PDB file of N, CA and C in Angstrom:
ATOM      1  N   MET A   1      51.545 199.751  23.055  1.00  0.00           N
ATOM      2  CA  MET A   1      52.144 199.892  24.231  1.00  0.00           C
ATOM      3  C   MET A   1      53.159 201.260  23.886  1.00  0.00           C
ATOM      4  N   LYS A   2      53.162 201.853  22.644  1.00  0.00           N
ATOM      5  CA  LYS A   2      54.130 202.762  22.615  1.00  0.00           C
ATOM      6  C   LYS A   2      53.496 204.561  22.929  1.00  0.00           C
ATOM      7  N   ILE A   3      52.140 203.937  22.463  1.00  0.00           N
ATOM      8  CA  ILE A   3      51.160 205.660  22.668  1.00  0.00           C
ATOM      9  C   ILE A   3      51.678 205.421  24.554  1.00  0.00           C
ATOM     10  N   VAL A   4      51.447 204.270  25.805  1.00  0.00           N
ATOM     11  CA  VAL A   4      51.332 204.394  26.624  1.00  0.00           C
ATOM     12  C   VAL A   4      52.896 204.813  27.489  1.00  0.00           C
ATOM     13  N   THR A   5      54.053 204.550  26.597  1.00  0.00           N
ATOM     14  CA  THR A   5      55.117 205.082  26.958  1.00  0.00           C
ATOM     15  C   THR A   5      55.756 206.093  26.283  1.00  0.00           C
ATOM     16  N   GLY A   6      54.932 207.058  26.138  1.00  0.00           N
ATOM     17  CA  GLY A   6      54.839 208.198  25.210  1.00  0.00           C
ATOM     18  C   GLY A   6      54.315 209.384  26.132  1.00  0.00           C
ATOM     19  N   PHE A   7      53.309 208.351  27.065  1.00  0.00           N
ATOM     20  CA  PHE A   7      52.557 210.084  27.947  1.00  0.00           C
ATOM     21  C   PHE A   7      53.521 208.677  29.517  1.00  0.00           C
ATOM     22  N   LEU A   8      53.524 208.205  30.096  1.00  0.00           N
ATOM     23  CA  LEU A   8      54.402 207.609  30.945  1.00  0.00           C
ATOM     24  C   LEU A   8      55.619 208.504  31.315  1.00  0.00           C
ATOM     25  N   LEU A   9      56.830 208.428  30.642  1.00  0.00           N
ATOM     26  CA  LEU A   9      57.936 209.693  30.789  1.00  0.00           C
ATOM     27  C   LEU A   9      57.713 210.559  30.741  1.00  0.00           C
ATOM     28  N   PRO A  10      56.821 211.719  30.042  1.00  0.00           N
ATOM     29  CA  PRO A  10      56.519 212.896  30.554  1.00  0.00           C
ATOM     30  C   PRO A  10      55.742 213.432  32.360  1.00  0.00           C
ATOM     31  N   GLY A  11      54.919 212.070  32.346  1.00  0.00           N
ATOM     32  CA  GLY A  11      54.046 212.009  33.011  1.00  0.00           C
ATOM     33  C   GLY A  11      55.092 212.374  34.687  1.00  0.00           C
ATOM     34  N   ILE A  12      55.751 211.210  34.785  1.00  0.00           N
ATOM     35  CA  ILE A  12      56.939 210.935  35.770  1.00  0.00           C
ATOM     36  C   ILE A  12      57.647 212.703  35.680  1.00  0.00           C
ATOM     37  N   LEU A  13      58.455 212.884  34.635  1.00  0.00           N
ATOM     38  CA  LEU A  13      59.159 213.812  35.207  1.00  0.00           C
ATOM     39  C   LEU A  13      58.235 215.124  35.720  1.00  0.00           C
ATOM     40  N   ALA A  14      56.847 215.166  35.138  1.00  0.00           N
ATOM     41  CA  ALA A  14      55.914 216.227  35.733  1.00  0.00           C
ATOM     42  C   ALA A  14      55.633 216.404  37.006  1.00  0.00           C
ATOM     43  N   ALA A  15      55.807 214.799  37.357  1.00  0.00           N
ATOM     44  CA  ALA A  15      55.191 215.245  38.556  1.00  0.00           C
ATOM     45  C   ALA A  15      56.849 214.497  39.378  1.00  0.00           C
ATOM     46  N   LEU A  16      57.764 214.989  39.152  1.00  0.00           N
ATOM     47  CA  LEU A  16      58.845 215.247  39.795  1.00  0.00           C
ATOM     48  C   LEU A  16      59.283 216.395  40.319  1.00  0.00           C
ATOM     49  N   THR A  17      59.196 216.636  39.120  1.00  0.00           N
ATOM     50  CA  THR A  17      59.226 218.339  38.918  1.00  0.00           C
ATOM     51  C   THR A  17      58.122 219.130  40.093  1.00  0.00           C
ATOM     52  N   LEU A  18      56.704 218.870  39.843  1.00  0.00           N
ATOM     53  CA  LEU A  18      56.053 219.278  40.714  1.00  0.00           C
ATOM     54  C   LEU A  18      56.167 218.867  42.201  1.00  0.00           C
ATOM     55  N   ALA A  19      56.540 218.045  42.580  1.00  0.00           N
ATOM     56  CA  ALA A  19      56.671 217.194  43.787  1.00  0.00           C
ATOM     57  C   ALA A  19      58.160 217.715  45.016  1.00  0.00           C
ATOM     58  N   ALA A  20      59.075 218.199  43.769  1.00  0.00           N
ATOM     59  CA  ALA A  20      60.515 219.327  44.104  1.00  0.00           C
ATOM     60  C   ALA A  20      60.103 220.271  45.216  1.00  0.00           C
ATOM     61  N   CYS A  21      60.901 220.535  46.026  1.00  0.00           N
ATOM     62  CA  CYS A  21      60.767 221.286  46.816  1.00  0.00           C
ATOM     63  C   CYS A  21      62.614 221.836  47.340  1.00  0.00           C
ATOM     64  N   ALA A  22      62.528 222.836  47.954  1.00  0.00           N
ATOM     65  CA  ALA A  22      63.927 224.001  48.763  1.00  0.00           C
ATOM     66  C   ALA A  22      63.463 224.617  49.644  1.00  0.00           C
ATOM     67  N   SER A  23      64.631 224.800  50.044  1.00  0.00           N
ATOM     68  CA  SER A  23      64.757 225.922  51.380  1.00  0.00           C
ATOM     69  C   SER A  23      65.551 226.543  51.080  1.00  0.00           C
ATOM     70  N   GLU A  24      66.438 227.911  51.154  1.00  0.00           N
ATOM     71  CA  GLU A  24      67.330 228.442  51.839  1.00  0.00           C
ATOM     72  C   GLU A  24      67.467 229.129  53.165  1.00  0.00           C
ATOM     73  N   SER A  25      68.560 229.085  53.489  1.00  0.00           N
ATOM     74  CA  SER A  25      68.943 230.588  54.653  1.00  0.00           C
ATOM     75  C   SER A  25      69.830 230.737  54.865  1.00  0.00           C
ATOM     76  N   ILE A  26      70.402 231.621  54.909  1.00  0.00           N
ATOM     77  CA  ILE A  26      71.794 231.928  55.546  1.00  0.00           C
ATOM     78  C   ILE A  26      71.407 233.435  56.723  1.00  0.00           C
ATOM     79  N   VAL A  27      72.355 233.272  57.319  1.00  0.00           N
ATOM     80  CA  VAL A  27      72.313 234.636  58.245  1.00  0.00           C
ATOM     81  C   VAL A  27      73.596 235.077  57.838  1.00  0.00           C
ATOM     82  N   MET A  28      73.077 237.026  57.870  1.00  0.00           N
ATOM     83  CA  MET A  28      73.748 237.821  57.683  1.00  0.00           C
ATOM     84  C   MET A  28      74.207 238.860  58.894  1.00  0.00           C
ATOM     85  N   VAL A  29      75.499 239.258  59.270  1.00  0.00           N
ATOM     86  CA  VAL A  29      75.431 239.970  60.170  1.00  0.00           C
ATOM     87  C   VAL A  29      76.709 240.950  59.761  1.00  0.00           C
ATOM     88  N   ASN A  30      76.613 242.133  60.230  1.00  0.00           N
ATOM     89  CA  ASN A  30      77.425 243.294  60.190  1.00  0.00           C
ATOM     90  C   ASN A  30      78.277 243.039  61.198  1.00  0.00           C
ATOM     91  N   PRO A  31      79.702 242.988  61.018  1.00  0.00           N
ATOM     92  CA  PRO A  31      80.584 242.409  62.231  1.00  0.00           C
ATOM     93  C   PRO A  31      81.061 244.289  62.755  1.00  0.00           C
ATOM     94  N   ARG A  32      80.837 245.485  62.299  1.00  0.00           N
ATOM     95  CA  ARG A  32      80.938 246.568  62.954  1.00  0.00           C
ATOM     96  C   ARG A  32      79.800 246.755  64.193  1.00  0.00           C
ATOM     97  N   THR A  33      79.003 246.699  63.479  1.00  0.00           N
ATOM     98  CA  THR A  33      77.611 247.090  64.426  1.00  0.00           C
ATOM     99  C   THR A  33      77.081 245.938  65.376  1.00  0.00           C
ATOM    100  N   GLY A  34      77.019 244.550  64.634  1.00  0.00           N
ATOM    101  CA  GLY A  34      76.659 243.328  65.209  1.00  0.00           C
ATOM    102  C   GLY A  34      75.389 243.217  65.216  1.00  0.00           C
ATOM    103  N   ALA A  35      74.560 243.852  64.062  1.00  0.00           N
ATOM    104  CA  ALA A  35      73.693 243.988  64.149  1.00  0.00           C
ATOM    105  C   ALA A  35      73.413 242.494  62.729  1.00  0.00           C
ATOM    106  N   THR A  36      71.932 241.439  62.855  1.00  0.00           N
ATOM    107  CA  THR A  36      72.039 240.509  62.207  1.00  0.00           C
ATOM    108  C   THR A  36      70.636 240.451  61.338  1.00  0.00           C
ATOM    109  N   VAL A  37      70.416 239.631  60.143  1.00  0.00           N
ATOM    110  CA  VAL A  37      69.827 239.460  59.336  1.00  0.00           C
ATOM    111  C   VAL A  37      70.006 238.025  59.232  1.00  0.00           C
ATOM    112  N   LYS A  38      68.255 237.662  59.113  1.00  0.00           N
ATOM    113  CA  LYS A  38      67.784 236.118  58.545  1.00  0.00           C
ATOM    114  C   LYS A  38      67.515 236.477  56.999  1.00  0.00           C
ATOM    115  N   CYS A  39      68.290 235.742  55.926  1.00  0.00           N
ATOM    116  CA  CYS A  39      67.403 235.955  54.856  1.00  0.00           C
ATOM    117  C   CYS A  39      67.286 234.430  54.447  1.00  0.00           C
ATOM    118  N   GLY A  40      66.128 234.013  53.947  1.00  0.00           N
ATOM    119  CA  GLY A  40      65.367 232.614  53.777  1.00  0.00           C
ATOM    120  C   GLY A  40      64.499 232.557  52.736  1.00  0.00           C
ATOM    121  N   ALA A  41      64.491 231.611  52.348  1.00  0.00           N
ATOM    122  CA  ALA A  41      63.044 231.653  51.468  1.00  0.00           C
ATOM    123  C   ALA A  41      63.195 229.812  50.897  1.00  0.00           C
ATOM    124  N   SER A  42      61.744 229.165  50.826  1.00  0.00           N
ATOM    125  CA  SER A  42      61.160 228.212  50.718  1.00  0.00           C
ATOM    126  C   SER A  42      60.482 228.051  49.470  1.00  0.00           C
ATOM    127  N   GLY A  43      60.087 227.179  48.622  1.00  0.00           N
ATOM    128  CA  GLY A  43      59.111 227.572  47.775  1.00  0.00           C
ATOM    129  C   GLY A  43      59.265 225.832  47.165  1.00  0.00           C
ATOM    130  N   SER A  44      58.504 225.167  46.504  1.00  0.00           N
ATOM    131  CA  SER A  44      58.078 223.698  46.505  1.00  0.00           C
ATOM    132  C   SER A  44      57.394 223.220  44.668  1.00  0.00           C
ATOM    133  N   GLY A  45      57.494 222.748  44.171  1.00  0.00           N
ATOM    134  CA  GLY A  45      57.317 222.630  43.291  1.00  0.00           C
ATOM    135  C   GLY A  45      58.231 223.075  42.166  1.00  0.00           C
ATOM    136  N   LEU A  46      57.421 223.794  41.376  1.00  0.00           N
ATOM    137  CA  LEU A  46      58.133 225.024  40.123  1.00  0.00           C
ATOM    138  C   LEU A  46      58.545 226.084  40.613  1.00  0.00           C
ATOM    139  N   MET A  47      58.427 226.870  42.467  1.00  0.00           N
ATOM    140  CA  MET A  47      58.966 227.689  42.517  1.00  0.00           C
ATOM    141  C   MET A  47      60.130 227.118  43.180  1.00  0.00           C
ATOM    142  N   ALA A  48      60.339 226.173  43.617  1.00  0.00           N
ATOM    143  CA  ALA A  48      61.650 225.467  44.851  1.00  0.00           C
ATOM    144  C   ALA A  48      63.030 226.428  43.636  1.00  0.00           C
ATOM    145  N   GLY A  49      63.065 226.149  43.202  1.00  0.00           N
ATOM    146  CA  GLY A  49      63.884 227.283  41.920  1.00  0.00           C
ATOM    147  C   GLY A  49      64.126 228.559  42.237  1.00  0.00           C
ATOM    148  N   MET A  50      63.389 229.545  43.431  1.00  0.00           N
ATOM    149  CA  MET A  50      63.386 230.326  42.896  1.00  0.00           C
ATOM    150  C   MET A  50      64.227 230.786  44.762  1.00  0.00           C
ATOM    151  N   ALA A  51      63.878 229.869  45.136  1.00  0.00           N
ATOM    152  CA  ALA A  51      64.311 230.031  46.514  1.00  0.00           C
ATOM    153  C   ALA A  51      66.075 230.243  47.066  1.00  0.00           C
ATOM    154  N   ALA A  52      67.031 229.780  45.996  1.00  0.00           N
ATOM    155  CA  ALA A  52      67.987 230.124  45.886  1.00  0.00           C
ATOM    156  C   ALA A  52      68.071 231.560  45.694  1.00  0.00           C
ATOM    157  N   GLY A  53      67.263 232.158  45.068  1.00  0.00           N
ATOM    158  CA  GLY A  53      67.520 233.757  43.860  1.00  0.00           C
ATOM    159  C   GLY A  53      67.113 234.270  45.081  1.00  0.00           C
ATOM    160  N   ALA A  54      66.552 234.427  45.951  1.00  0.00           N
ATOM    161  CA  ALA A  54      65.862 234.992  46.420  1.00  0.00           C
ATOM    162  C   ALA A  54      66.755 235.138  47.632  1.00  0.00           C
ATOM    163  N   VAL A  55      67.304 234.082  48.090  1.00  0.00           N
ATOM    164  CA  VAL A  55      68.752 234.343  49.004  1.00  0.00           C
ATOM    165  C   VAL A  55      69.607 235.279  48.718  1.00  0.00           C
ATOM    166  N   GLU A  56      70.054 235.105  47.266  1.00  0.00           N
ATOM    167  CA  GLU A  56      71.015 235.954  46.390  1.00  0.00           C
ATOM    168  C   GLU A  56      70.707 237.130  46.395  1.00  0.00           C
ATOM    169  N   GLU A  57      69.639 237.567  46.297  1.00  0.00           N
ATOM    170  CA  GLU A  57      69.106 238.523  46.053  1.00  0.00           C
ATOM    171  C   GLU A  57      68.981 239.702  47.702  1.00  0.00           C
ATOM    172  N   CYS A  58      68.711 239.025  49.042  1.00  0.00           N
ATOM    173  CA  CYS A  58      68.926 239.254  49.845  1.00  0.00           C
ATOM    174  C   CYS A  58      70.587 239.254  50.424  1.00  0.00           C
ATOM    175  N   ARG A  59      71.405 238.645  50.056  1.00  0.00           N
ATOM    176  CA  ARG A  59      72.911 238.681  50.522  1.00  0.00           C
ATOM    177  C   ARG A  59      73.579 239.775  49.161  1.00  0.00           C
ATOM    178  N   GLN A  60      73.191 240.085  47.938  1.00  0.00           N
ATOM    179  CA  GLN A  60      72.854 241.552  47.609  1.00  0.00           C
ATOM    180  C   GLN A  60      72.430 242.713  48.147  1.00  0.00           C
ATOM    181  N   LYS A  61      71.874 242.319  48.817  1.00  0.00           N
ATOM    182  CA  LYS A  61      70.987 243.751  49.357  1.00  0.00           C
ATOM    183  C   LYS A  61      72.225 244.247  50.563  1.00  0.00           C
ATOM    184  N   TYR A  62      72.635 243.447  51.263  1.00  0.00           N
ATOM    185  CA  TYR A  62      73.003 243.605  52.745  1.00  0.00           C
ATOM    186  C   TYR A  62      74.617 243.717  52.378  1.00  0.00           C
ATOM    187  N   GLY A  63      75.259 243.417  51.411  1.00  0.00           N
ATOM    188  CA  GLY A  63      76.138 242.860  51.400  1.00  0.00           C
ATOM    189  C   GLY A  63      77.344 244.754  50.899  1.00  0.00           C
ATOM    190  N   PRO A  64      76.435 244.788  50.423  1.00  0.00           N
ATOM    191  CA  PRO A  64      77.777 246.674  50.405  1.00  0.00           C
ATOM    192  C   PRO A  64      76.725 247.803  51.750  1.00  0.00           C
ATOM    193  N   GLN A  65      75.837 246.958  52.292  1.00  0.00           N
ATOM    194  CA  GLN A  65      75.937 247.469  53.998  1.00  0.00           C
ATOM    195  C   GLN A  65      76.893 247.190  55.123  1.00  0.00           C
ATOM    196  N   GLY A  66      78.041 246.376  54.062  1.00  0.00           N
ATOM    197  CA  GLY A  66      78.933 245.603  55.269  1.00  0.00           C
ATOM    198  C   GLY A  66      78.268 244.214  55.625  1.00  0.00           C
ATOM    199  N   TYR A  67      77.311 243.523  55.548  1.00  0.00           N
ATOM    200  CA  TYR A  67      76.969 242.808  55.811  1.00  0.00           C
ATOM    201  C   TYR A  67      77.665 241.217  55.740  1.00  0.00           C
ATOM    202  N   VAL A  68      78.402 241.134  56.348  1.00  0.00           N
ATOM    203  CA  VAL A  68      78.872 239.465  55.530  1.00  0.00           C
ATOM    204  C   VAL A  68      77.888 237.803  56.044  1.00  0.00           C
ATOM    205  N   ALA A  69      78.465 236.544  55.269  1.00  0.00           N
ATOM    206  CA  ALA A  69      77.560 235.743  55.991  1.00  0.00           C
ATOM    207  C   ALA A  69      78.355 235.378  56.771  1.00  0.00           C
ATOM    208  N   ALA A  70      77.523 234.514  58.495  1.00  0.00           N
ATOM    209  CA  ALA A  70      78.267 234.623  59.271  1.00  0.00           C
ATOM    210  C   ALA A  70      79.086 233.273  59.082  1.00  0.00           C
ATOM    211  N   GLU A  71      79.147 232.485  58.162  1.00  0.00           N
ATOM    212  CA  GLU A  71      80.154 231.181  58.307  1.00  0.00           C
ATOM    213  C   GLU A  71      80.858 231.687  57.605  1.00  0.00           C
ATOM    214  N   ARG A  72      81.084 233.472  57.601  1.00  0.00           N
ATOM    215  CA  ARG A  72      82.372 233.795  56.309  1.00  0.00           C
ATOM    216  C   ARG A  72      83.213 234.765  58.046  1.00  0.00           C
ATOM    217  N   LEU A  73      82.718 235.286  58.735  1.00  0.00           N
ATOM    218  CA  LEU A  73      83.443 235.729  59.912  1.00  0.00           C
ATOM    219  C   LEU A  73      84.780 235.367  60.177  1.00  0.00           C
ATOM    220  N   THR A  74      85.606 236.107  60.139  1.00  0.00           N
ATOM    221  CA  THR A  74      86.954 235.210  60.818  1.00  0.00           C
ATOM    222  C   THR A  74      86.732 235.180  62.081  1.00  0.00           C
ATOM    223  N   PRO A  75      87.635 234.301  62.345  1.00  0.00           N
ATOM    224  CA  PRO A  75      87.361 233.578  64.351  1.00  0.00           C
ATOM    225  C   PRO A  75      88.066 235.106  65.384  1.00  0.00           C
ATOM    226  N   GLY A  76      88.772 236.122  64.810  1.00  0.00           N
ATOM    227  CA  GLY A  76      89.229 237.391  65.620  1.00  0.00           C
ATOM    228  C   GLY A  76      87.348 238.190  65.764  1.00  0.00           C
ATOM    229  N   GLU A  77      86.476 238.607  64.042  1.00  0.00           N
ATOM    230  CA  GLU A  77      84.940 239.171  64.149  1.00  0.00           C
ATOM    231  C   GLU A  77      84.447 238.352  64.402  1.00  0.00           C
ATOM    232  N   ARG A  78      84.285 236.741  65.092  1.00  0.00           N
ATOM    233  CA  ARG A  78      83.592 236.089  65.485  1.00  0.00           C
ATOM    234  C   ARG A  78      83.570 236.454  67.072  1.00  0.00           C
ATOM    235  N   ALA A  79      84.903 236.413  67.744  1.00  0.00           N
ATOM    236  CA  ALA A  79      85.553 236.905  69.160  1.00  0.00           C
ATOM    237  C   ALA A  79      84.422 238.032  69.626  1.00  0.00           C
ATOM    238  N   ASP A  80      84.960 239.053  68.766  1.00  0.00           N
ATOM    239  CA  ASP A  80      84.442 240.195  69.169  1.00  0.00           C
ATOM    240  C   ASP A  80      83.283 240.468  69.596  1.00  0.00           C
ATOM    241  N   LEU A  81      82.023 239.668  68.572  1.00  0.00           N
ATOM    242  CA  LEU A  81      80.595 240.077  68.734  1.00  0.00           C
ATOM    243  C   LEU A  81      80.255 239.361  69.052  1.00  0.00           C
ATOM    244  N   GLU A  82      80.852 237.538  69.924  1.00  0.00           N
ATOM    245  CA  GLU A  82      80.693 237.283  71.249  1.00  0.00           C
ATOM    246  C   GLU A  82      81.002 237.691  72.417  1.00  0.00           C
ATOM    247  N   ARG A  83      81.482 238.625  72.417  1.00  0.00           N
ATOM    248  CA  ARG A  83      81.992 240.031  73.459  1.00  0.00           C
ATOM    249  C   ARG A  83      81.020 240.116  73.556  1.00  0.00           C
ATOM    250  N   ARG A  84      79.925 241.137  72.795  1.00  0.00           N
ATOM    251  CA  ARG A  84      79.328 242.189  72.843  1.00  0.00           C
ATOM    252  C   ARG A  84      78.138 241.250  73.110  1.00  0.00           C
ATOM    253  N   GLY A  85      78.127 239.965  73.052  1.00  0.00           N
ATOM    254  CA  GLY A  85      76.585 239.590  73.241  1.00  0.00           C
ATOM    255  C   GLY A  85      75.711 239.334  72.434  1.00  0.00           C
ATOM    256  N   VAL A  86      76.290 238.946  70.787  1.00  0.00           N
ATOM    257  CA  VAL A  86      75.674 238.504  69.654  1.00  0.00           C
ATOM    258  C   VAL A  86      75.742 237.737  69.645  1.00  0.00           C
ATOM    259  N   SER A  87      74.584 236.554  69.449  1.00  0.00           N
ATOM    260  CA  SER A  87      74.353 235.143  69.254  1.00  0.00           C
ATOM    261  C   SER A  87      74.434 234.853  67.687  1.00  0.00           C
ATOM    262  N   LEU A  88      75.385 234.524  67.909  1.00  0.00           N
ATOM    263  CA  LEU A  88      75.447 233.454  66.076  1.00  0.00           C
ATOM    264  C   LEU A  88      75.388 232.386  65.543  1.00  0.00           C
ATOM    265  N   PRO A  89      74.970 232.259  64.854  1.00  0.00           N
ATOM    266  CA  PRO A  89      74.577 230.406  64.725  1.00  0.00           C
ATOM    267  C   PRO A  89      75.575 229.315  64.404  1.00  0.00           C
TER     268      PRO A  89
END
């Protein structure tokens, strides 16, 4: 029984790791221009952890260009964008 237990727990952990999945996404908006970009990634198994990293990389790429996450827009910025016809999530 000891041999079976030694293989059972690692087998269960491996199956859970391979079955894991993740999906991350964020909408970035440039309040000045109204331009939007959707950053998203998904992965399963061992690649699941990379989804969050890809979204963060996108955020770092567009942040210096004036983009902010849509949920971080101020009420005034949101109202201005909606007046200009920018569709926001």
